[in-house]
């Protein structure tokens, strides 16, 4: 006997909470990476470098392009140097 608007089972509730936590985590990491490549204070932020170097090639290339545009005189960080893209 289920009431309208209540979860059908504890498993459904647990799955909903898990998906919500996963989406929040991915959103936080995505925001952090986007901030690093578009508005960070330095191209040598360790967390940003680590995240950027682990992304798929198209996203990493886009991020490296933004970093090079923002810091044209700086040595490119790990993952953005020639031969690493």
PDB file of N, CA and C in Angstrom:
ATOM      1  N   UNK A   1       0.840  -1.173   0.000  1.00  0.00           N
ATOM      2  CA  UNK A   1       0.000   0.000   0.000  1.00  0.00           C
ATOM      3  C   UNK A   1       0.890   1.242   0.000  1.00  0.00           C
ATOM      4  N   UNK A   2       0.913   1.941  -1.135  1.00  0.00           N
ATOM      5  CA  UNK A   2       1.726   3.152  -1.221  1.00  0.00           C
ATOM      6  C   UNK A   2       0.819   4.362  -1.355  1.00  0.00           C
ATOM      7  N   UNK A   3       1.276   5.417  -0.805  1.00  0.00           N
ATOM      8  CA  UNK A   3       0.539   6.673  -0.915  1.00  0.00           C
ATOM      9  C   UNK A   3       1.164   7.503  -2.020  1.00  0.00           C
ATOM     10  N   UNK A   4       0.354   8.277  -2.653  1.00  0.00           N
ATOM     11  CA  UNK A   4       0.860   9.127  -3.721  1.00  0.00           C
ATOM     12  C   UNK A   4       1.851  10.144  -3.138  1.00  0.00           C
ATOM     13  N   UNK A   5       3.017  10.257  -3.779  1.00  0.00           N
ATOM     14  CA  UNK A   5       4.016  11.218  -3.325  1.00  0.00           C
ATOM     15  C   UNK A   5       5.049  10.650  -2.381  1.00  0.00           C
ATOM     16  N   UNK A   6       4.912   9.392  -1.962  1.00  0.00           N
ATOM     17  CA  UNK A   6       5.917   8.788  -1.085  1.00  0.00           C
ATOM     18  C   UNK A   6       6.732   7.780  -1.879  1.00  0.00           C
ATOM     19  N   UNK A   7       7.998   7.590  -1.519  1.00  0.00           N
ATOM     20  CA  UNK A   7       8.812   6.613  -2.246  1.00  0.00           C
ATOM     21  C   UNK A   7       8.246   5.208  -2.087  1.00  0.00           C
ATOM     22  N   UNK A   8       8.402   4.385  -3.101  1.00  0.00           N
ATOM     23  CA  UNK A   8       7.851   3.032  -3.053  1.00  0.00           C
ATOM     24  C   UNK A   8       8.676   2.114  -2.168  1.00  0.00           C
ATOM     25  N   UNK A   9       9.945   2.394  -2.039  1.00  0.00           N
ATOM     26  CA  UNK A   9      10.771   1.527  -1.210  1.00  0.00           C
ATOM     27  C   UNK A   9      11.986   2.294  -0.708  1.00  0.00           C
ATOM     28  N   UNK A  10      12.639   1.716   0.266  1.00  0.00           N
ATOM     29  CA  UNK A  10      13.873   2.319   0.769  1.00  0.00           C
ATOM     30  C   UNK A  10      14.961   2.281  -0.296  1.00  0.00           C
ATOM     31  N   UNK A  11      14.923   1.257  -1.147  1.00  0.00           N
ATOM     32  CA  UNK A  11      15.911   1.132  -2.209  1.00  0.00           C
ATOM     33  C   UNK A  11      15.778   2.280  -3.208  1.00  0.00           C
ATOM     34  N   UNK A  12      14.550   2.640  -3.545  1.00  0.00           N
ATOM     35  CA  UNK A  12      14.329   3.753  -4.462  1.00  0.00           C
ATOM     36  C   UNK A  12      14.815   5.057  -3.841  1.00  0.00           C
ATOM     37  N   UNK A  13      14.565   5.230  -2.557  1.00  0.00           N
ATOM     38  CA  UNK A  13      15.035   6.424  -1.862  1.00  0.00           C
ATOM     39  C   UNK A  13      16.562   6.463  -1.832  1.00  0.00           C
ATOM     40  N   UNK A  14      17.185   5.330  -1.542  1.00  0.00           N
ATOM     41  CA  UNK A  14      18.649   5.266  -1.512  1.00  0.00           C
ATOM     42  C   UNK A  14      19.231   5.565  -2.888  1.00  0.00           C
ATOM     43  N   UNK A  15      18.608   5.044  -3.936  1.00  0.00           N
ATOM     44  CA  UNK A  15      19.086   5.301  -5.299  1.00  0.00           C
ATOM     45  C   UNK A  15      18.946   6.779  -5.649  1.00  0.00           C
ATOM     46  N   UNK A  16      17.848   7.389  -5.255  1.00  0.00           N
ATOM     47  CA  UNK A  16      17.636   8.806  -5.522  1.00  0.00           C
ATOM     48  C   UNK A  16      18.678   9.659  -4.804  1.00  0.00           C
ATOM     49  N   UNK A  17      18.954   9.350  -3.560  1.00  0.00           N
ATOM     50  CA  UNK A  17      19.962  10.085  -2.791  1.00  0.00           C
ATOM     51  C   UNK A  17      21.344   9.892  -3.411  1.00  0.00           C
ATOM     52  N   UNK A  18      21.672   8.664  -3.812  1.00  0.00           N
ATOM     53  CA  UNK A  18      22.979   8.385  -4.416  1.00  0.00           C
ATOM     54  C   UNK A  18      23.156   9.155  -5.720  1.00  0.00           C
ATOM     55  N   UNK A  19      22.127   9.187  -6.544  1.00  0.00           N
ATOM     56  CA  UNK A  19      22.199   9.934  -7.803  1.00  0.00           C
ATOM     57  C   UNK A  19      22.345  11.428  -7.519  1.00  0.00           C
ATOM     58  N   UNK A  20      21.639  11.929  -6.540  1.00  0.00           N
ATOM     59  CA  UNK A  20      21.761  13.340  -6.171  1.00  0.00           C
ATOM     60  C   UNK A  20      23.161  13.694  -5.705  1.00  0.00           C
ATOM     61  N   UNK A  21      23.749  12.842  -4.886  1.00  0.00           N
ATOM     62  CA  UNK A  21      25.114  13.080  -4.404  1.00  0.00           C
ATOM     63  C   UNK A  21      26.100  13.028  -5.564  1.00  0.00           C
ATOM     64  N   UNK A  22      25.928  12.066  -6.463  1.00  0.00           N
ATOM     65  CA  UNK A  22      26.803  11.944  -7.627  1.00  0.00           C
ATOM     66  C   UNK A  22      26.722  13.187  -8.509  1.00  0.00           C
ATOM     67  N   UNK A  23      25.508  13.652  -8.778  1.00  0.00           N
ATOM     68  CA  UNK A  23      25.339  14.851  -9.600  1.00  0.00           C
ATOM     69  C   UNK A  23      25.936  16.083  -8.925  1.00  0.00           C
ATOM     70  N   UNK A  24      25.766  16.208  -7.626  1.00  0.00           N
ATOM     71  CA  UNK A  24      26.347  17.341  -6.902  1.00  0.00           C
ATOM     72  C   UNK A  24      27.869  17.295  -6.966  1.00  0.00           C
ATOM     73  N   UNK A  25      28.443  16.113  -6.808  1.00  0.00           N
ATOM     74  CA  UNK A  25      29.896  15.970  -6.886  1.00  0.00           C
ATOM     75  C   UNK A  25      30.426  16.307  -8.262  1.00  0.00           C
ATOM     76  N   UNK A  26      29.770  15.791  -9.301  1.00  0.00           N
ATOM     77  CA  UNK A  26      30.197  16.095 -10.668  1.00  0.00           C
ATOM     78  C   UNK A  26      30.046  17.580 -10.980  1.00  0.00           C
ATOM     79  N   UNK A  27      28.971  18.181 -10.502  1.00  0.00           N
ATOM     80  CA  UNK A  27      28.777  19.615 -10.713  1.00  0.00           C
ATOM     81  C   UNK A  27      29.849  20.443 -10.027  1.00  0.00           C
ATOM     82  N   UNK A  28      30.219  20.047  -8.822  1.00  0.00           N
ATOM     83  CA  UNK A  28      31.262  20.758  -8.085  1.00  0.00           C
ATOM     84  C   UNK A  28      32.605  20.634  -8.790  1.00  0.00           C
ATOM     85  N   UNK A  29      32.950  19.430  -9.223  1.00  0.00           N
ATOM     86  CA  UNK A  29      34.219  19.237  -9.937  1.00  0.00           C
ATOM     87  C   UNK A  29      34.228  19.982 -11.268  1.00  0.00           C
ATOM     88  N   UNK A  30      33.109  19.947 -11.973  1.00  0.00           N
ATOM     89  CA  UNK A  30      33.014  20.673 -13.243  1.00  0.00           C
ATOM     90  C   UNK A  30      33.171  22.167 -13.049  1.00  0.00           C
ATOM     91  N   UNK A  31      32.528  22.700 -12.017  1.00  0.00           N
ATOM     92  CA  UNK A  31      32.661  24.130 -11.735  1.00  0.00           C
ATOM     93  C   UNK A  31      34.107  24.469 -11.385  1.00  0.00           C
ATOM     94  N   UNK A  32      34.727  23.632 -10.574  1.00  0.00           N
ATOM     95  CA  UNK A  32      36.109  23.888 -10.147  1.00  0.00           C
ATOM     96  C   UNK A  32      37.054  23.899 -11.335  1.00  0.00           C
ATOM     97  N   UNK A  33      36.900  22.950 -12.264  1.00  0.00           N
ATOM     98  CA  UNK A  33      37.741  22.907 -13.464  1.00  0.00           C
ATOM     99  C   UNK A  33      37.479  24.126 -14.340  1.00  0.00           C
ATOM    100  N   UNK A  34      36.217  24.457 -14.557  1.00  0.00           N
ATOM    101  CA  UNK A  34      35.878  25.609 -15.399  1.00  0.00           C
ATOM    102  C   UNK A  34      36.445  26.895 -14.807  1.00  0.00           C
ATOM    103  N   UNK A  35      36.359  27.046 -13.499  1.00  0.00           N
ATOM    104  CA  UNK A  35      36.937  28.220 -12.850  1.00  0.00           C
ATOM    105  C   UNK A  35      38.450  28.262 -13.065  1.00  0.00           C
ATOM    106  N   UNK A  36      39.121  27.132 -12.938  1.00  0.00           N
ATOM    107  CA  UNK A  36      40.574  27.071 -13.126  1.00  0.00           C
ATOM    108  C   UNK A  36      40.970  27.539 -14.523  1.00  0.00           C
ATOM    109  N   UNK A  37      40.284  27.063 -15.562  1.00  0.00           N
ATOM    110  CA  UNK A  37      40.704  27.408 -16.918  1.00  0.00           C
ATOM    111  C   UNK A  37      40.214  28.781 -17.365  1.00  0.00           C
ATOM    112  N   UNK A  38      39.165  29.319 -16.759  1.00  0.00           N
ATOM    113  CA  UNK A  38      38.638  30.604 -17.227  1.00  0.00           C
ATOM    114  C   UNK A  38      38.906  31.782 -16.302  1.00  0.00           C
ATOM    115  N   UNK A  39      39.151  31.546 -15.017  1.00  0.00           N
ATOM    116  CA  UNK A  39      39.282  32.679 -14.104  1.00  0.00           C
ATOM    117  C   UNK A  39      40.287  32.465 -12.981  1.00  0.00           C
ATOM    118  N   UNK A  40      41.041  31.387 -13.003  1.00  0.00           N
ATOM    119  CA  UNK A  40      41.999  31.116 -11.929  1.00  0.00           C
ATOM    120  C   UNK A  40      43.105  32.161 -11.874  1.00  0.00           C
ATOM    121  N   UNK A  41      43.710  32.301 -10.702  1.00  0.00           N
ATOM    122  CA  UNK A  41      44.766  33.293 -10.507  1.00  0.00           C
ATOM    123  C   UNK A  41      46.092  32.874 -11.123  1.00  0.00           C
ATOM    124  N   UNK A  42      46.302  31.588 -11.265  1.00  0.00           N
ATOM    125  CA  UNK A  42      47.578  31.080 -11.757  1.00  0.00           C
ATOM    126  C   UNK A  42      47.343  29.824 -12.596  1.00  0.00           C
ATOM    127  N   UNK A  43      48.176  29.575 -13.605  1.00  0.00           N
ATOM    128  CA  UNK A  43      48.024  28.339 -14.366  1.00  0.00           C
ATOM    129  C   UNK A  43      48.609  27.129 -13.638  1.00  0.00           C
ATOM    130  N   UNK A  44      49.211  27.344 -12.480  1.00  0.00           N
ATOM    131  CA  UNK A  44      49.911  26.274 -11.766  1.00  0.00           C
ATOM    132  C   UNK A  44      49.169  25.767 -10.533  1.00  0.00           C
ATOM    133  N   UNK A  45      47.854  25.919 -10.509  1.00  0.00           N
ATOM    134  CA  UNK A  45      47.027  25.394  -9.428  1.00  0.00           C
ATOM    135  C   UNK A  45      47.034  23.867  -9.506  1.00  0.00           C
ATOM    136  N   UNK A  46      47.503  23.207  -8.450  1.00  0.00           N
ATOM    137  CA  UNK A  46      47.689  21.751  -8.483  1.00  0.00           C
ATOM    138  C   UNK A  46      46.393  20.990  -8.735  1.00  0.00           C
ATOM    139  N   UNK A  47      45.318  21.411  -8.110  1.00  0.00           N
ATOM    140  CA  UNK A  47      44.037  20.719  -8.295  1.00  0.00           C
ATOM    141  C   UNK A  47      43.555  20.896  -9.734  1.00  0.00           C
ATOM    142  N   UNK A  48      43.642  22.107 -10.243  1.00  0.00           N
ATOM    143  CA  UNK A  48      43.225  22.372 -11.624  1.00  0.00           C
ATOM    144  C   UNK A  48      44.048  21.602 -12.636  1.00  0.00           C
ATOM    145  N   UNK A  49      45.354  21.546 -12.420  1.00  0.00           N
ATOM    146  CA  UNK A  49      46.228  20.800 -13.329  1.00  0.00           C
ATOM    147  C   UNK A  49      45.856  19.321 -13.318  1.00  0.00           C
ATOM    148  N   UNK A  50      45.647  18.776 -12.131  1.00  0.00           N
ATOM    149  CA  UNK A  50      45.284  17.365 -12.024  1.00  0.00           C
ATOM    150  C   UNK A  50      43.970  17.051 -12.716  1.00  0.00           C
ATOM    151  N   UNK A  51      42.979  17.904 -12.519  1.00  0.00           N
ATOM    152  CA  UNK A  51      41.684  17.678 -13.148  1.00  0.00           C
ATOM    153  C   UNK A  51      41.796  17.817 -14.661  1.00  0.00           C
ATOM    154  N   UNK A  52      42.479  18.861 -15.125  1.00  0.00           N
ATOM    155  CA  UNK A  52      42.589  19.102 -16.560  1.00  0.00           C
ATOM    156  C   UNK A  52      43.341  17.976 -17.261  1.00  0.00           C
ATOM    157  N   UNK A  53      44.372  17.454 -16.625  1.00  0.00           N
ATOM    158  CA  UNK A  53      45.173  16.409 -17.269  1.00  0.00           C
ATOM    159  C   UNK A  53      44.427  15.080 -17.373  1.00  0.00           C
ATOM    160  N   UNK A  54      43.352  14.902 -16.620  1.00  0.00           N
ATOM    161  CA  UNK A  54      42.595  13.645 -16.650  1.00  0.00           C
ATOM    162  C   UNK A  54      41.328  13.708 -17.508  1.00  0.00           C
ATOM    163  N   UNK A  55      41.048  14.864 -18.065  1.00  0.00           N
ATOM    164  CA  UNK A  55      39.841  15.010 -18.880  1.00  0.00           C
ATOM    165  C   UNK A  55      40.037  14.428 -20.274  1.00  0.00           C
ATOM    166  N   UNK A  56      38.941  14.139 -20.970  1.00  0.00           N
ATOM    167  CA  UNK A  56      39.049  13.695 -22.365  1.00  0.00           C
ATOM    168  C   UNK A  56      39.713  14.778 -23.223  1.00  0.00           C
ATOM    169  N   UNK A  57      40.326  14.360 -24.304  1.00  0.00           N
ATOM    170  CA  UNK A  57      41.110  15.248 -25.168  1.00  0.00           C
ATOM    171  C   UNK A  57      40.389  16.540 -25.570  1.00  0.00           C
ATOM    172  N   UNK A  58      39.138  16.510 -26.042  1.00  0.00           N
ATOM    173  CA  UNK A  58      38.505  17.772 -26.460  1.00  0.00           C
ATOM    174  C   UNK A  58      38.375  18.786 -25.315  1.00  0.00           C
ATOM    175  N   UNK A  59      37.998  18.326 -24.129  1.00  0.00           N
ATOM    176  CA  UNK A  59      37.879  19.246 -22.990  1.00  0.00           C
ATOM    177  C   UNK A  59      39.245  19.738 -22.540  1.00  0.00           C
ATOM    178  N   UNK A  60      40.229  18.844 -22.510  1.00  0.00           N
ATOM    179  CA  UNK A  60      41.580  19.235 -22.110  1.00  0.00           C
ATOM    180  C   UNK A  60      42.150  20.255 -23.089  1.00  0.00           C
ATOM    181  N   UNK A  61      41.944  20.038 -24.390  1.00  0.00           N
ATOM    182  CA  UNK A  61      42.446  20.976 -25.397  1.00  0.00           C
ATOM    183  C   UNK A  61      41.783  22.342 -25.230  1.00  0.00           C
ATOM    184  N   UNK A  62      40.474  22.356 -24.977  1.00  0.00           N
ATOM    185  CA  UNK A  62      39.774  23.623 -24.774  1.00  0.00           C
ATOM    186  C   UNK A  62      40.323  24.338 -23.542  1.00  0.00           C
ATOM    187  N   UNK A  63      40.510  23.592 -22.455  1.00  0.00           N
ATOM    188  CA  UNK A  63      41.047  24.179 -21.230  1.00  0.00           C
ATOM    189  C   UNK A  63      42.452  24.719 -21.430  1.00  0.00           C
ATOM    190  N   UNK A  64      43.293  23.967 -22.126  1.00  0.00           N
ATOM    191  CA  UNK A  64      44.670  24.418 -22.374  1.00  0.00           C
ATOM    192  C   UNK A  64      44.689  25.677 -23.233  1.00  0.00           C
ATOM    193  N   UNK A  65      43.791  25.741 -24.206  1.00  0.00           N
ATOM    194  CA  UNK A  65      43.703  26.945 -25.042  1.00  0.00           C
ATOM    195  C   UNK A  65      43.341  28.154 -24.193  1.00  0.00           C
ATOM    196  N   UNK A  66      42.383  28.007 -23.297  1.00  0.00           N
ATOM    197  CA  UNK A  66      41.986  29.122 -22.426  1.00  0.00           C
ATOM    198  C   UNK A  66      43.141  29.539 -21.515  1.00  0.00           C
ATOM    199  N   UNK A  67      43.861  28.570 -20.982  1.00  0.00           N
ATOM    200  CA  UNK A  67      44.986  28.887 -20.092  1.00  0.00           C
ATOM    201  C   UNK A  67      46.067  29.629 -20.866  1.00  0.00           C
ATOM    202  N   UNK A  68      46.374  29.179 -22.081  1.00  0.00           N
ATOM    203  CA  UNK A  68      47.393  29.858 -22.903  1.00  0.00           C
ATOM    204  C   UNK A  68      46.964  31.278 -23.254  1.00  0.00           C
ATOM    205  N   UNK A  69      45.674  31.487 -23.517  1.00  0.00           N
ATOM    206  CA  UNK A  69      45.172  32.832 -23.817  1.00  0.00           C
ATOM    207  C   UNK A  69      45.300  33.752 -22.607  1.00  0.00           C
ATOM    208  N   UNK A  70      45.041  33.227 -21.428  1.00  0.00           N
ATOM    209  CA  UNK A  70      45.066  34.040 -20.216  1.00  0.00           C
ATOM    210  C   UNK A  70      46.472  34.295 -19.701  1.00  0.00           C
ATOM    211  N   UNK A  71      47.385  33.348 -19.922  1.00  0.00           N
ATOM    212  CA  UNK A  71      48.761  33.464 -19.424  1.00  0.00           C
ATOM    213  C   UNK A  71      49.735  33.212 -20.581  1.00  0.00           C
ATOM    214  N   UNK A  72      49.813  34.144 -21.542  1.00  0.00           N
ATOM    215  CA  UNK A  72      50.621  33.894 -22.741  1.00  0.00           C
ATOM    216  C   UNK A  72      52.123  33.774 -22.474  1.00  0.00           C
ATOM    217  N   UNK A  73      52.628  34.369 -21.422  1.00  0.00           N
ATOM    218  CA  UNK A  73      54.071  34.342 -21.146  1.00  0.00           C
ATOM    219  C   UNK A  73      54.478  33.245 -20.169  1.00  0.00           C
ATOM    220  N   UNK A  74      53.525  32.546 -19.611  1.00  0.00           N
ATOM    221  CA  UNK A  74      53.829  31.504 -18.622  1.00  0.00           C
ATOM    222  C   UNK A  74      54.144  30.181 -19.319  1.00  0.00           C
ATOM    223  N   UNK A  75      54.974  29.390 -18.667  1.00  0.00           N
ATOM    224  CA  UNK A  75      55.234  28.035 -19.151  1.00  0.00           C
ATOM    225  C   UNK A  75      53.940  27.240 -18.972  1.00  0.00           C
ATOM    226  N   UNK A  76      53.486  26.538 -20.004  1.00  0.00           N
ATOM    227  CA  UNK A  76      52.227  25.789 -19.873  1.00  0.00           C
ATOM    228  C   UNK A  76      52.310  24.745 -18.762  1.00  0.00           C
ATOM    229  N   UNK A  77      51.239  24.566 -18.008  1.00  0.00           N
ATOM    230  CA  UNK A  77      51.245  23.559 -16.944  1.00  0.00           C
ATOM    231  C   UNK A  77      51.255  22.144 -17.517  1.00  0.00           C
ATOM    232  N   UNK A  78      51.501  21.185 -16.652  1.00  0.00           N
ATOM    233  CA  UNK A  78      51.508  19.777 -17.053  1.00  0.00           C
ATOM    234  C   UNK A  78      50.189  19.430 -17.736  1.00  0.00           C
ATOM    235  N   UNK A  79      50.279  18.748 -18.836  1.00  0.00           N
ATOM    236  CA  UNK A  79      49.096  18.371 -19.598  1.00  0.00           C
ATOM    237  C   UNK A  79      48.815  19.322 -20.737  1.00  0.00           C
ATOM    238  N   UNK A  80      49.414  20.507 -20.705  1.00  0.00           N
ATOM    239  CA  UNK A  80      49.205  21.500 -21.760  1.00  0.00           C
ATOM    240  C   UNK A  80      50.485  21.781 -22.548  1.00  0.00           C
ATOM    241  N   UNK A  81      51.552  21.110 -22.232  1.00  0.00           N
ATOM    242  CA  UNK A  81      52.804  21.330 -22.950  1.00  0.00           C
ATOM    243  C   UNK A  81      52.778  20.596 -24.280  1.00  0.00           C
ATOM    244  N   UNK A  82      53.620  21.012 -25.199  1.00  0.00           N
ATOM    245  CA  UNK A  82      53.678  20.378 -26.518  1.00  0.00           C
ATOM    246  C   UNK A  82      53.910  18.885 -26.375  1.00  0.00           C
ATOM    247  N   UNK A  83      53.170  18.113 -27.144  1.00  0.00           N
ATOM    248  CA  UNK A  83      53.301  16.666 -27.107  1.00  0.00           C
ATOM    249  C   UNK A  83      52.473  15.992 -26.036  1.00  0.00           C
ATOM    250  N   UNK A  84      51.829  16.759 -25.170  1.00  0.00           N
ATOM    251  CA  UNK A  84      51.002  16.173 -24.110  1.00  0.00           C
ATOM    252  C   UNK A  84      49.523  16.244 -24.442  1.00  0.00           C
ATOM    253  N   UNK A  85      49.156  17.025 -25.440  1.00  0.00           N
ATOM    254  CA  UNK A  85      47.738  17.151 -25.795  1.00  0.00           C
ATOM    255  C   UNK A  85      47.326  16.023 -26.674  1.00  0.00           C
TER     256      UNK A  85
END
